[in-house]
Amino acid sequence: MRKSDKSAGTQNDVRALLCDVGGVLIHKVRTPELQQWERSLRLQPMDLPLVIWLCESAFRAALGKASVEEIWCEIQQIYALTDREMEVFKHDFAVSDRVDTEFVQFLCGVRKTRKIALLSNAWPGSRYIFGNEFGLDMLTDIMILSYEEGLAKPDRRIYDLAAERLQLPHSSIVFIDDYTPNVSAAQACGMHGILFETREQTMAELQVLLDSC
């Protein structure tokens, strides 16, 4: 898959940026606390977030069909954690998230001339967390969250919904995500696509697209 695809439209007229949140704007940091949990639960480095994000309840929550509490109950049962251990674990997991302030500042500059929307496969309550706790309200014109729509990436319908909300053709939108199938799905819809690997690489690829408009 090409990381950026200029064949998405008849001309390169980028008028909006559609951006993932987790893994792009907010990153999970492998804190000492999470490293201790990895050892306790006998998990490989950075397997801990995957264990949570890929559990059955998490998939259902991303579609608005389960609560966040159901996710934690499933994890507690899988690893036989006490109630006290579960509370500590939830806290340690939550506080290990960090906003990429440099990338956010870069995108704030982009927003002076283009629309910016966030598109995330997210759990219930994420609108408040993203907007108020992490300050992403200052960055975005529109926030599209899977649990509110009952749709999740890479379902084509959620990209179509984003284009409709932005009131723009797909070919005028650049989509950024850290998961290849999600980027491929956006490109199949006619959007430009950038696969996030590092902040620097993503900013460079995006700048090339913006400068060519």
N, C-alpha and C. Protein backbone atom coordinates (compact mmCIF):
# COMPACT_ATOMS: atom_id res chain seq x y z
N MET A 1 0.83 -1.19 0.00
CA MET A 1 0.00 0.00 0.00
C MET A 1 0.87 1.25 0.00
N ARG A 2 0.55 2.21 -0.83
CA ARG A 2 1.29 3.46 -0.82
C ARG A 2 0.82 4.30 0.35
N LYS A 3 1.76 4.93 1.04
CA LYS A 3 1.40 5.71 2.21
C LYS A 3 0.62 6.96 1.85
N SER A 4 0.91 7.55 0.71
CA SER A 4 0.11 8.68 0.26
C SER A 4 -0.30 8.41 -1.18
N ASP A 5 -1.52 8.72 -1.53
CA ASP A 5 -2.06 8.35 -2.82
C ASP A 5 -2.71 9.56 -3.46
N LYS A 6 -2.05 10.14 -4.47
CA LYS A 6 -2.57 11.34 -5.10
C LYS A 6 -3.53 11.01 -6.24
N SER A 7 -3.76 9.76 -6.49
CA SER A 7 -4.67 9.38 -7.55
C SER A 7 -6.11 9.36 -7.08
N ALA A 8 -6.34 9.81 -5.82
CA ALA A 8 -7.69 9.71 -5.25
C ALA A 8 -8.68 10.61 -5.98
N GLY A 9 -8.23 11.67 -6.64
CA GLY A 9 -9.14 12.55 -7.34
C GLY A 9 -8.51 13.04 -8.61
N THR A 10 -9.28 13.78 -9.39
CA THR A 10 -8.74 14.28 -10.65
C THR A 10 -7.72 15.37 -10.42
N GLN A 11 -7.76 16.03 -9.26
CA GLN A 11 -6.76 17.02 -8.92
C GLN A 11 -6.49 16.96 -7.43
N ASN A 12 -5.33 17.43 -7.07
CA ASN A 12 -4.94 17.39 -5.66
C ASN A 12 -5.42 18.65 -4.97
N ASP A 13 -6.63 18.62 -4.46
CA ASP A 13 -7.26 19.78 -3.84
C ASP A 13 -7.64 19.41 -2.41
N VAL A 14 -6.67 19.38 -1.53
CA VAL A 14 -6.89 18.96 -0.15
C VAL A 14 -7.56 20.09 0.62
N ARG A 15 -8.74 19.82 1.11
CA ARG A 15 -9.50 20.83 1.84
C ARG A 15 -9.81 20.43 3.27
N ALA A 16 -9.48 19.18 3.62
CA ALA A 16 -9.75 18.73 4.99
C ALA A 16 -8.82 17.59 5.36
N LEU A 17 -8.58 17.47 6.65
CA LEU A 17 -7.78 16.39 7.21
C LEU A 17 -8.66 15.60 8.16
N LEU A 18 -8.66 14.27 7.97
CA LEU A 18 -9.41 13.35 8.82
C LEU A 18 -8.38 12.51 9.56
N CYS A 19 -8.38 12.60 10.89
CA CYS A 19 -7.27 12.04 11.66
C CYS A 19 -7.75 11.09 12.75
N ASP A 20 -7.08 9.95 12.84
CA ASP A 20 -7.28 9.01 13.94
C ASP A 20 -6.79 9.66 15.24
N VAL A 21 -7.18 9.09 16.37
CA VAL A 21 -6.77 9.63 17.67
C VAL A 21 -5.74 8.72 18.33
N GLY A 22 -6.16 7.54 18.78
CA GLY A 22 -5.24 6.63 19.45
C GLY A 22 -4.15 6.12 18.53
N GLY A 23 -2.90 6.30 18.95
CA GLY A 23 -1.78 5.88 18.12
C GLY A 23 -1.29 6.95 17.17
N VAL A 24 -2.02 8.06 17.08
CA VAL A 24 -1.64 9.18 16.21
C VAL A 24 -1.52 10.46 17.03
N LEU A 25 -2.62 10.86 17.66
CA LEU A 25 -2.60 12.07 18.49
C LEU A 25 -2.34 11.75 19.96
N ILE A 26 -2.82 10.59 20.39
CA ILE A 26 -2.61 10.15 21.78
C ILE A 26 -1.87 8.82 21.73
N HIS A 27 -0.79 8.72 22.48
CA HIS A 27 0.04 7.52 22.46
C HIS A 27 0.11 6.87 23.85
N LYS A 28 0.10 5.56 23.85
CA LYS A 28 0.26 4.79 25.08
C LYS A 28 1.75 4.69 25.41
N VAL A 29 2.14 5.18 26.58
CA VAL A 29 3.53 5.17 27.01
C VAL A 29 3.76 3.97 27.92
N ARG A 30 4.86 3.30 27.70
CA ARG A 30 5.19 2.10 28.51
C ARG A 30 5.83 2.56 29.82
N THR A 31 4.99 3.01 30.73
CA THR A 31 5.44 3.53 32.02
C THR A 31 5.99 2.40 32.90
N PRO A 32 6.72 2.75 33.96
CA PRO A 32 7.18 1.70 34.89
C PRO A 32 6.03 0.88 35.46
N GLU A 33 4.90 1.54 35.68
CA GLU A 33 3.74 0.82 36.21
C GLU A 33 3.22 -0.21 35.22
N LEU A 34 3.14 0.18 33.94
CA LEU A 34 2.68 -0.78 32.94
C LEU A 34 3.69 -1.90 32.73
N GLN A 35 4.96 -1.59 32.84
CA GLN A 35 5.98 -2.64 32.73
C GLN A 35 5.83 -3.65 33.85
N GLN A 36 5.49 -3.16 35.04
CA GLN A 36 5.28 -4.08 36.17
C GLN A 36 4.06 -4.96 35.92
N TRP A 37 3.02 -4.38 35.34
CA TRP A 37 1.84 -5.17 35.02
C TRP A 37 2.15 -6.21 33.95
N GLU A 38 2.98 -5.84 32.99
CA GLU A 38 3.39 -6.81 31.96
C GLU A 38 4.06 -8.03 32.61
N ARG A 39 4.93 -7.75 33.55
CA ARG A 39 5.62 -8.85 34.24
C ARG A 39 4.63 -9.68 35.07
N SER A 40 3.75 -9.00 35.77
CA SER A 40 2.80 -9.70 36.64
C SER A 40 1.84 -10.59 35.84
N LEU A 41 1.43 -10.08 34.68
CA LEU A 41 0.47 -10.81 33.85
C LEU A 41 1.14 -11.68 32.80
N ARG A 42 2.48 -11.69 32.83
CA ARG A 42 3.29 -12.50 31.92
C ARG A 42 3.00 -12.18 30.46
N LEU A 43 3.05 -10.88 30.16
CA LEU A 43 2.82 -10.40 28.81
C LEU A 43 4.10 -9.85 28.21
N GLN A 44 4.20 -9.90 26.90
CA GLN A 44 5.33 -9.33 26.20
C GLN A 44 5.19 -7.80 26.18
N PRO A 45 6.31 -7.07 26.01
CA PRO A 45 6.25 -5.61 25.96
C PRO A 45 5.21 -5.11 24.95
N MET A 46 4.37 -4.19 25.40
CA MET A 46 3.31 -3.54 24.62
C MET A 46 2.19 -4.48 24.20
N ASP A 47 2.19 -5.71 24.72
CA ASP A 47 1.04 -6.59 24.49
C ASP A 47 -0.15 -6.19 25.36
N LEU A 48 0.14 -5.49 26.44
CA LEU A 48 -0.92 -5.14 27.39
C LEU A 48 -2.04 -4.32 26.75
N PRO A 49 -1.72 -3.24 26.01
CA PRO A 49 -2.82 -2.50 25.35
C PRO A 49 -3.60 -3.37 24.38
N LEU A 50 -2.92 -4.25 23.65
CA LEU A 50 -3.60 -5.10 22.69
C LEU A 50 -4.56 -6.06 23.36
N VAL A 51 -4.15 -6.59 24.51
CA VAL A 51 -5.02 -7.50 25.26
C VAL A 51 -6.35 -6.81 25.57
N ILE A 52 -6.28 -5.54 25.89
CA ILE A 52 -7.50 -4.79 26.24
C ILE A 52 -8.27 -4.38 25.00
N TRP A 53 -7.58 -3.77 24.04
CA TRP A 53 -8.26 -3.26 22.85
C TRP A 53 -8.85 -4.35 21.98
N LEU A 54 -8.31 -5.58 22.06
CA LEU A 54 -8.77 -6.65 21.19
C LEU A 54 -9.70 -7.64 21.88
N CYS A 55 -10.06 -7.38 23.11
CA CYS A 55 -10.98 -8.30 23.78
C CYS A 55 -12.39 -8.10 23.20
N GLU A 56 -13.24 -9.10 23.40
CA GLU A 56 -14.58 -9.10 22.80
C GLU A 56 -15.40 -7.88 23.23
N SER A 57 -15.36 -7.55 24.52
CA SER A 57 -16.14 -6.41 25.01
C SER A 57 -15.67 -5.10 24.41
N ALA A 58 -14.38 -4.98 24.14
CA ALA A 58 -13.84 -3.75 23.55
C ALA A 58 -14.37 -3.56 22.13
N PHE A 59 -14.45 -4.65 21.36
CA PHE A 59 -15.02 -4.56 20.02
C PHE A 59 -16.48 -4.10 20.09
N ARG A 60 -17.22 -4.67 21.02
CA ARG A 60 -18.63 -4.30 21.16
C ARG A 60 -18.78 -2.86 21.64
N ALA A 61 -17.91 -2.45 22.56
CA ALA A 61 -17.96 -1.08 23.07
C ALA A 61 -17.69 -0.06 21.97
N ALA A 62 -16.78 -0.40 21.06
CA ALA A 62 -16.46 0.52 19.96
C ALA A 62 -17.65 0.75 19.04
N LEU A 63 -18.63 -0.15 19.09
CA LEU A 63 -19.84 0.01 18.30
C LEU A 63 -21.01 0.49 19.15
N GLY A 64 -20.72 0.85 20.40
CA GLY A 64 -21.76 1.33 21.30
C GLY A 64 -22.64 0.24 21.85
N LYS A 65 -22.16 -1.02 21.81
CA LYS A 65 -22.97 -2.15 22.25
C LYS A 65 -22.52 -2.73 23.58
N ALA A 66 -21.54 -2.11 24.20
CA ALA A 66 -21.07 -2.54 25.52
C ALA A 66 -20.52 -1.32 26.24
N SER A 67 -20.48 -1.39 27.54
CA SER A 67 -19.95 -0.29 28.35
C SER A 67 -18.47 -0.50 28.62
N VAL A 68 -17.81 0.57 29.04
CA VAL A 68 -16.41 0.46 29.42
C VAL A 68 -16.27 -0.47 30.62
N GLU A 69 -17.22 -0.44 31.51
CA GLU A 69 -17.18 -1.32 32.67
C GLU A 69 -17.19 -2.79 32.26
N GLU A 70 -17.92 -3.12 31.22
CA GLU A 70 -17.94 -4.50 30.73
C GLU A 70 -16.56 -4.92 30.23
N ILE A 71 -15.83 -3.99 29.64
CA ILE A 71 -14.47 -4.30 29.19
C ILE A 71 -13.61 -4.67 30.38
N TRP A 72 -13.65 -3.85 31.43
CA TRP A 72 -12.80 -4.10 32.59
C TRP A 72 -13.22 -5.36 33.33
N CYS A 73 -14.50 -5.66 33.32
CA CYS A 73 -14.96 -6.91 33.94
C CYS A 73 -14.39 -8.12 33.19
N GLU A 74 -14.36 -8.03 31.87
CA GLU A 74 -13.80 -9.13 31.08
C GLU A 74 -12.32 -9.30 31.38
N ILE A 75 -11.59 -8.20 31.44
CA ILE A 75 -10.15 -8.27 31.73
C ILE A 75 -9.91 -8.81 33.14
N GLN A 76 -10.74 -8.39 34.08
CA GLN A 76 -10.59 -8.87 35.45
C GLN A 76 -10.79 -10.38 35.52
N GLN A 77 -11.76 -10.88 34.78
CA GLN A 77 -12.02 -12.32 34.78
C GLN A 77 -10.89 -13.09 34.10
N ILE A 78 -10.38 -12.56 33.00
CA ILE A 78 -9.32 -13.25 32.26
C ILE A 78 -8.08 -13.44 33.13
N TYR A 79 -7.73 -12.40 33.90
CA TYR A 79 -6.48 -12.43 34.67
C TYR A 79 -6.70 -12.65 36.17
N ALA A 80 -7.96 -12.93 36.54
CA ALA A 80 -8.28 -13.25 37.94
C ALA A 80 -7.76 -12.18 38.90
N LEU A 81 -8.05 -10.93 38.59
CA LEU A 81 -7.61 -9.82 39.43
C LEU A 81 -8.63 -9.55 40.53
N THR A 82 -8.15 -9.17 41.70
CA THR A 82 -9.05 -8.75 42.76
C THR A 82 -9.63 -7.38 42.41
N ASP A 83 -10.66 -6.97 43.13
CA ASP A 83 -11.25 -5.65 42.87
C ASP A 83 -10.21 -4.55 43.06
N ARG A 84 -9.40 -4.67 44.11
CA ARG A 84 -8.38 -3.66 44.37
C ARG A 84 -7.33 -3.64 43.26
N GLU A 85 -6.89 -4.81 42.84
CA GLU A 85 -5.93 -4.88 41.74
C GLU A 85 -6.51 -4.26 40.46
N MET A 86 -7.79 -4.51 40.25
CA MET A 86 -8.43 -3.98 39.05
C MET A 86 -8.47 -2.46 39.06
N GLU A 87 -8.75 -1.88 40.20
CA GLU A 87 -8.80 -0.42 40.30
C GLU A 87 -7.42 0.19 40.03
N VAL A 88 -6.39 -0.42 40.59
CA VAL A 88 -5.03 0.08 40.36
C VAL A 88 -4.65 -0.07 38.89
N PHE A 89 -5.01 -1.21 38.32
CA PHE A 89 -4.70 -1.47 36.92
C PHE A 89 -5.37 -0.44 36.01
N LYS A 90 -6.65 -0.19 36.23
CA LYS A 90 -7.38 0.79 35.42
C LYS A 90 -6.73 2.17 35.51
N HIS A 91 -6.32 2.54 36.71
CA HIS A 91 -5.66 3.84 36.90
C HIS A 91 -4.34 3.89 36.15
N ASP A 92 -3.52 2.86 36.32
CA ASP A 92 -2.21 2.84 35.68
C ASP A 92 -2.33 2.85 34.16
N PHE A 93 -3.35 2.17 33.65
CA PHE A 93 -3.56 2.12 32.20
C PHE A 93 -3.99 3.49 31.68
N ALA A 94 -4.89 4.14 32.40
CA ALA A 94 -5.43 5.42 31.95
C ALA A 94 -4.37 6.52 31.94
N VAL A 95 -3.55 6.58 32.99
CA VAL A 95 -2.59 7.68 33.10
C VAL A 95 -1.35 7.49 32.24
N SER A 96 -1.29 6.40 31.51
CA SER A 96 -0.14 6.17 30.63
C SER A 96 -0.34 6.75 29.23
N ASP A 97 -1.47 7.43 29.01
CA ASP A 97 -1.73 8.07 27.71
C ASP A 97 -1.10 9.46 27.68
N ARG A 98 -0.49 9.79 26.55
CA ARG A 98 0.14 11.09 26.38
C ARG A 98 -0.27 11.69 25.03
N VAL A 99 -0.57 12.98 25.03
CA VAL A 99 -0.87 13.69 23.79
C VAL A 99 0.44 14.10 23.12
N ASP A 100 0.50 13.93 21.81
CA ASP A 100 1.66 14.40 21.04
C ASP A 100 1.46 15.88 20.78
N THR A 101 1.93 16.71 21.70
CA THR A 101 1.67 18.15 21.61
C THR A 101 2.30 18.78 20.38
N GLU A 102 3.45 18.29 19.95
CA GLU A 102 4.10 18.85 18.77
C GLU A 102 3.26 18.61 17.52
N PHE A 103 2.73 17.41 17.40
CA PHE A 103 1.90 17.09 16.24
C PHE A 103 0.59 17.87 16.29
N VAL A 104 0.01 18.00 17.48
CA VAL A 104 -1.22 18.76 17.63
C VAL A 104 -1.00 20.21 17.23
N GLN A 105 0.12 20.79 17.65
CA GLN A 105 0.43 22.17 17.28
C GLN A 105 0.57 22.32 15.76
N PHE A 106 1.22 21.33 15.14
CA PHE A 106 1.36 21.34 13.68
C PHE A 106 -0.01 21.33 13.02
N LEU A 107 -0.91 20.48 13.51
CA LEU A 107 -2.24 20.38 12.92
C LEU A 107 -3.07 21.64 13.18
N CYS A 108 -2.83 22.29 14.30
CA CYS A 108 -3.51 23.56 14.56
C CYS A 108 -3.15 24.58 13.49
N GLY A 109 -1.90 24.53 13.02
CA GLY A 109 -1.49 25.39 11.93
C GLY A 109 -2.20 25.04 10.64
N VAL A 110 -2.36 23.74 10.39
CA VAL A 110 -3.08 23.28 9.20
C VAL A 110 -4.53 23.76 9.24
N ARG A 111 -5.09 23.81 10.43
CA ARG A 111 -6.50 24.17 10.58
C ARG A 111 -6.79 25.62 10.18
N LYS A 112 -5.76 26.42 10.05
CA LYS A 112 -5.97 27.81 9.62
C LYS A 112 -6.48 27.88 8.19
N THR A 113 -6.19 26.85 7.40
CA THR A 113 -6.59 26.86 5.99
C THR A 113 -7.42 25.65 5.57
N ARG A 114 -7.50 24.62 6.42
CA ARG A 114 -8.27 23.42 6.11
C ARG A 114 -9.13 23.01 7.30
N LYS A 115 -10.18 22.28 7.01
CA LYS A 115 -10.98 21.69 8.08
C LYS A 115 -10.22 20.50 8.67
N ILE A 116 -10.46 20.26 9.96
CA ILE A 116 -9.89 19.07 10.59
C ILE A 116 -10.99 18.33 11.33
N ALA A 117 -11.07 17.03 11.08
CA ALA A 117 -12.02 16.16 11.77
C ALA A 117 -11.27 14.99 12.38
N LEU A 118 -11.76 14.51 13.50
CA LEU A 118 -11.19 13.33 14.15
C LEU A 118 -12.11 12.14 13.89
N LEU A 119 -11.52 11.00 13.57
CA LEU A 119 -12.27 9.78 13.33
C LEU A 119 -11.63 8.66 14.12
N SER A 120 -12.35 8.17 15.14
CA SER A 120 -11.75 7.20 16.05
C SER A 120 -12.69 6.04 16.34
N ASN A 121 -12.13 4.83 16.35
CA ASN A 121 -12.82 3.68 16.93
C ASN A 121 -12.65 3.81 18.43
N ALA A 122 -13.69 4.25 19.09
CA ALA A 122 -13.56 4.67 20.49
C ALA A 122 -14.67 4.09 21.35
N TRP A 123 -14.38 4.03 22.65
CA TRP A 123 -15.34 3.52 23.62
C TRP A 123 -16.27 4.63 24.13
N PRO A 124 -17.42 4.25 24.71
CA PRO A 124 -18.31 5.24 25.30
C PRO A 124 -17.58 6.16 26.27
N GLY A 125 -17.89 7.44 26.20
CA GLY A 125 -17.26 8.43 27.06
C GLY A 125 -16.04 9.09 26.45
N SER A 126 -15.61 8.62 25.27
CA SER A 126 -14.38 9.14 24.68
C SER A 126 -14.51 10.58 24.22
N ARG A 127 -15.70 11.03 23.87
CA ARG A 127 -15.84 12.43 23.44
C ARG A 127 -15.39 13.37 24.55
N TYR A 128 -15.82 13.09 25.77
CA TYR A 128 -15.41 13.93 26.90
C TYR A 128 -13.90 13.81 27.14
N ILE A 129 -13.39 12.59 27.13
CA ILE A 129 -11.96 12.36 27.40
C ILE A 129 -11.09 13.05 26.35
N PHE A 130 -11.40 12.84 25.07
CA PHE A 130 -10.61 13.45 24.00
C PHE A 130 -10.71 14.98 24.06
N GLY A 131 -11.93 15.45 24.22
CA GLY A 131 -12.15 16.90 24.16
C GLY A 131 -11.71 17.65 25.38
N ASN A 132 -12.10 17.16 26.56
CA ASN A 132 -11.87 17.90 27.80
C ASN A 132 -10.58 17.51 28.51
N GLU A 133 -10.31 16.22 28.61
CA GLU A 133 -9.12 15.80 29.34
C GLU A 133 -7.85 15.97 28.53
N PHE A 134 -7.94 15.76 27.20
CA PHE A 134 -6.76 15.88 26.35
C PHE A 134 -6.76 17.15 25.50
N GLY A 135 -7.80 17.95 25.59
CA GLY A 135 -7.81 19.24 24.92
C GLY A 135 -7.92 19.20 23.41
N LEU A 136 -8.46 18.12 22.85
CA LEU A 136 -8.53 18.02 21.40
C LEU A 136 -9.68 18.81 20.80
N ASP A 137 -10.55 19.36 21.64
CA ASP A 137 -11.61 20.24 21.13
C ASP A 137 -11.01 21.44 20.40
N MET A 138 -9.86 21.88 20.85
CA MET A 138 -9.22 23.05 20.24
C MET A 138 -8.71 22.75 18.83
N LEU A 139 -8.61 21.48 18.50
CA LEU A 139 -8.02 21.07 17.23
C LEU A 139 -9.04 20.80 16.14
N THR A 140 -10.22 20.38 16.52
CA THR A 140 -11.13 19.76 15.55
C THR A 140 -12.40 20.56 15.29
N ASP A 141 -12.86 20.47 14.04
CA ASP A 141 -14.16 21.03 13.67
C ASP A 141 -15.26 19.99 13.93
N ILE A 142 -14.94 18.72 13.72
CA ILE A 142 -15.89 17.62 13.86
C ILE A 142 -15.19 16.44 14.51
N MET A 143 -15.88 15.77 15.42
CA MET A 143 -15.35 14.56 16.03
C MET A 143 -16.33 13.42 15.76
N ILE A 144 -15.88 12.41 15.00
CA ILE A 144 -16.73 11.27 14.65
C ILE A 144 -16.21 10.06 15.40
N LEU A 145 -17.04 9.52 16.29
CA LEU A 145 -16.62 8.44 17.17
C LEU A 145 -17.49 7.21 16.92
N SER A 146 -16.83 6.07 16.80
CA SER A 146 -17.52 4.85 16.38
C SER A 146 -18.67 4.47 17.30
N TYR A 147 -18.48 4.63 18.61
CA TYR A 147 -19.52 4.17 19.53
C TYR A 147 -20.80 4.99 19.41
N GLU A 148 -20.68 6.23 18.92
CA GLU A 148 -21.87 7.07 18.74
C GLU A 148 -22.57 6.77 17.42
N GLU A 149 -21.82 6.25 16.45
CA GLU A 149 -22.38 6.02 15.12
C GLU A 149 -22.79 4.57 14.88
N GLY A 150 -22.30 3.65 15.72
CA GLY A 150 -22.55 2.23 15.48
C GLY A 150 -21.81 1.70 14.28
N LEU A 151 -20.74 2.42 13.89
CA LEU A 151 -19.89 2.04 12.77
C LEU A 151 -18.45 2.20 13.18
N ALA A 152 -17.57 1.35 12.66
CA ALA A 152 -16.16 1.43 13.01
C ALA A 152 -15.29 1.24 11.77
N LYS A 153 -14.14 1.89 11.77
CA LYS A 153 -13.15 1.63 10.72
C LYS A 153 -12.76 0.15 10.75
N PRO A 154 -12.55 -0.48 9.62
CA PRO A 154 -12.48 0.07 8.25
C PRO A 154 -13.78 -0.03 7.45
N ASP A 155 -14.93 -0.02 8.09
CA ASP A 155 -16.20 -0.05 7.38
C ASP A 155 -16.31 1.21 6.50
N ARG A 156 -16.51 1.02 5.22
CA ARG A 156 -16.57 2.15 4.28
C ARG A 156 -17.59 3.20 4.71
N ARG A 157 -18.66 2.78 5.34
CA ARG A 157 -19.74 3.71 5.66
C ARG A 157 -19.28 4.83 6.60
N ILE A 158 -18.30 4.56 7.46
CA ILE A 158 -17.88 5.60 8.38
C ILE A 158 -17.02 6.66 7.67
N TYR A 159 -16.33 6.26 6.60
CA TYR A 159 -15.60 7.25 5.80
C TYR A 159 -16.58 8.10 4.98
N ASP A 160 -17.61 7.44 4.45
CA ASP A 160 -18.65 8.18 3.73
C ASP A 160 -19.34 9.17 4.66
N LEU A 161 -19.58 8.75 5.90
CA LEU A 161 -20.21 9.63 6.88
C LEU A 161 -19.32 10.83 7.17
N ALA A 162 -18.02 10.60 7.28
CA ALA A 162 -17.08 11.70 7.54
C ALA A 162 -17.10 12.71 6.40
N ALA A 163 -17.09 12.22 5.16
CA ALA A 163 -17.14 13.12 4.01
C ALA A 163 -18.43 13.91 3.99
N GLU A 164 -19.53 13.25 4.35
CA GLU A 164 -20.83 13.94 4.40
C GLU A 164 -20.83 15.03 5.47
N ARG A 165 -20.27 14.71 6.65
CA ARG A 165 -20.24 15.70 7.73
C ARG A 165 -19.33 16.89 7.37
N LEU A 166 -18.26 16.60 6.66
CA LEU A 166 -17.34 17.66 6.23
C LEU A 166 -17.88 18.42 5.03
N GLN A 167 -18.90 17.86 4.39
CA GLN A 167 -19.50 18.45 3.18
C GLN A 167 -18.46 18.64 2.08
N LEU A 168 -17.67 17.58 1.89
CA LEU A 168 -16.60 17.59 0.90
C LEU A 168 -16.56 16.27 0.15
N PRO A 169 -16.06 16.27 -1.09
CA PRO A 169 -15.85 15.00 -1.78
C PRO A 169 -14.69 14.24 -1.14
N HIS A 170 -14.71 12.95 -1.26
CA HIS A 170 -13.65 12.12 -0.68
C HIS A 170 -12.26 12.55 -1.16
N SER A 171 -12.17 12.96 -2.42
CA SER A 171 -10.88 13.30 -3.00
C SER A 171 -10.26 14.56 -2.41
N SER A 172 -11.03 15.31 -1.63
CA SER A 172 -10.51 16.53 -1.00
C SER A 172 -10.07 16.29 0.44
N ILE A 173 -10.08 15.03 0.87
CA ILE A 173 -9.80 14.70 2.27
C ILE A 173 -8.55 13.82 2.38
N VAL A 174 -7.69 14.16 3.34
CA VAL A 174 -6.54 13.32 3.68
C VAL A 174 -6.85 12.58 4.97
N PHE A 175 -6.70 11.27 4.96
CA PHE A 175 -6.94 10.46 6.15
C PHE A 175 -5.63 9.96 6.71
N ILE A 176 -5.44 10.10 8.03
CA ILE A 176 -4.23 9.65 8.72
C ILE A 176 -4.61 8.63 9.79
N ASP A 177 -3.93 7.49 9.78
CA ASP A 177 -4.20 6.44 10.76
C ASP A 177 -2.93 5.61 10.92
N ASP A 178 -2.80 4.95 12.07
CA ASP A 178 -1.61 4.12 12.30
C ASP A 178 -1.84 2.65 11.97
N TYR A 179 -3.01 2.32 11.42
CA TYR A 179 -3.36 0.93 11.12
C TYR A 179 -3.59 0.80 9.62
N THR A 180 -2.78 -0.02 8.96
CA THR A 180 -2.79 -0.11 7.50
C THR A 180 -4.18 -0.39 6.91
N PRO A 181 -4.95 -1.37 7.41
CA PRO A 181 -6.27 -1.63 6.82
C PRO A 181 -7.19 -0.41 6.84
N ASN A 182 -7.07 0.41 7.87
CA ASN A 182 -7.91 1.61 7.94
C ASN A 182 -7.54 2.61 6.86
N VAL A 183 -6.24 2.76 6.61
CA VAL A 183 -5.78 3.68 5.57
C VAL A 183 -6.17 3.14 4.19
N SER A 184 -6.01 1.84 3.99
CA SER A 184 -6.38 1.22 2.72
C SER A 184 -7.86 1.41 2.42
N ALA A 185 -8.70 1.27 3.44
CA ALA A 185 -10.14 1.45 3.26
C ALA A 185 -10.47 2.88 2.86
N ALA A 186 -9.79 3.85 3.47
CA ALA A 186 -10.01 5.26 3.12
C ALA A 186 -9.59 5.52 1.68
N GLN A 187 -8.47 4.96 1.26
CA GLN A 187 -8.00 5.14 -0.11
C GLN A 187 -8.97 4.49 -1.10
N ALA A 188 -9.53 3.35 -0.72
CA ALA A 188 -10.50 2.68 -1.60
C ALA A 188 -11.75 3.53 -1.80
N CYS A 189 -12.04 4.39 -0.82
CA CYS A 189 -13.18 5.30 -0.93
C CYS A 189 -12.85 6.53 -1.78
N GLY A 190 -11.57 6.73 -2.08
CA GLY A 190 -11.17 7.90 -2.87
C GLY A 190 -10.45 8.96 -2.10
N MET A 191 -10.20 8.73 -0.81
CA MET A 191 -9.46 9.70 -0.02
C MET A 191 -7.95 9.53 -0.23
N HIS A 192 -7.20 10.58 0.05
CA HIS A 192 -5.75 10.44 0.17
C HIS A 192 -5.49 9.72 1.49
N GLY A 193 -4.41 8.95 1.56
CA GLY A 193 -4.12 8.22 2.79
C GLY A 193 -2.68 8.34 3.21
N ILE A 194 -2.48 8.56 4.51
CA ILE A 194 -1.13 8.58 5.08
C ILE A 194 -1.11 7.60 6.25
N LEU A 195 -0.20 6.64 6.18
CA LEU A 195 -0.02 5.70 7.29
C LEU A 195 0.93 6.31 8.31
N PHE A 196 0.46 6.54 9.52
CA PHE A 196 1.28 7.12 10.58
C PHE A 196 2.27 6.08 11.10
N GLU A 197 3.55 6.40 10.96
CA GLU A 197 4.60 5.57 11.54
C GLU A 197 5.36 6.37 12.59
N THR A 198 5.72 7.59 12.25
CA THR A 198 6.32 8.52 13.20
C THR A 198 5.72 9.89 12.95
N ARG A 199 5.84 10.76 13.93
CA ARG A 199 5.36 12.13 13.78
C ARG A 199 6.06 12.82 12.61
N GLU A 200 7.38 12.68 12.57
CA GLU A 200 8.16 13.38 11.56
C GLU A 200 7.80 12.93 10.14
N GLN A 201 7.68 11.62 9.96
CA GLN A 201 7.32 11.07 8.65
C GLN A 201 5.93 11.53 8.22
N THR A 202 4.99 11.52 9.17
CA THR A 202 3.62 11.91 8.85
C THR A 202 3.54 13.40 8.50
N MET A 203 4.21 14.23 9.28
CA MET A 203 4.21 15.66 9.00
C MET A 203 4.82 15.95 7.64
N ALA A 204 5.90 15.25 7.30
CA ALA A 204 6.57 15.47 6.01
C ALA A 204 5.66 15.08 4.86
N GLU A 205 5.00 13.91 4.94
CA GLU A 205 4.13 13.47 3.87
C GLU A 205 2.92 14.39 3.73
N LEU A 206 2.38 14.82 4.87
CA LEU A 206 1.23 15.71 4.82
C LEU A 206 1.62 17.06 4.22
N GLN A 207 2.78 17.56 4.58
CA GLN A 207 3.23 18.85 4.06
C GLN A 207 3.39 18.82 2.55
N VAL A 208 3.89 17.69 2.03
CA VAL A 208 4.02 17.55 0.58
C VAL A 208 2.65 17.67 -0.10
N LEU A 209 1.65 17.01 0.47
CA LEU A 209 0.30 17.09 -0.10
C LEU A 209 -0.24 18.51 -0.03
N LEU A 210 -0.06 19.16 1.11
CA LEU A 210 -0.59 20.52 1.29
C LEU A 210 0.12 21.52 0.38
N ASP A 211 1.41 21.38 0.23
CA ASP A 211 2.19 22.32 -0.59
C ASP A 211 1.85 22.19 -2.07
N SER A 212 1.35 21.03 -2.47
CA SER A 212 1.07 20.82 -3.89
C SER A 212 -0.33 21.30 -4.30
N CYS A 213 -1.08 21.80 -3.32
CA CYS A 213 -2.42 22.28 -3.63
C CYS A 213 -2.40 23.69 -4.20
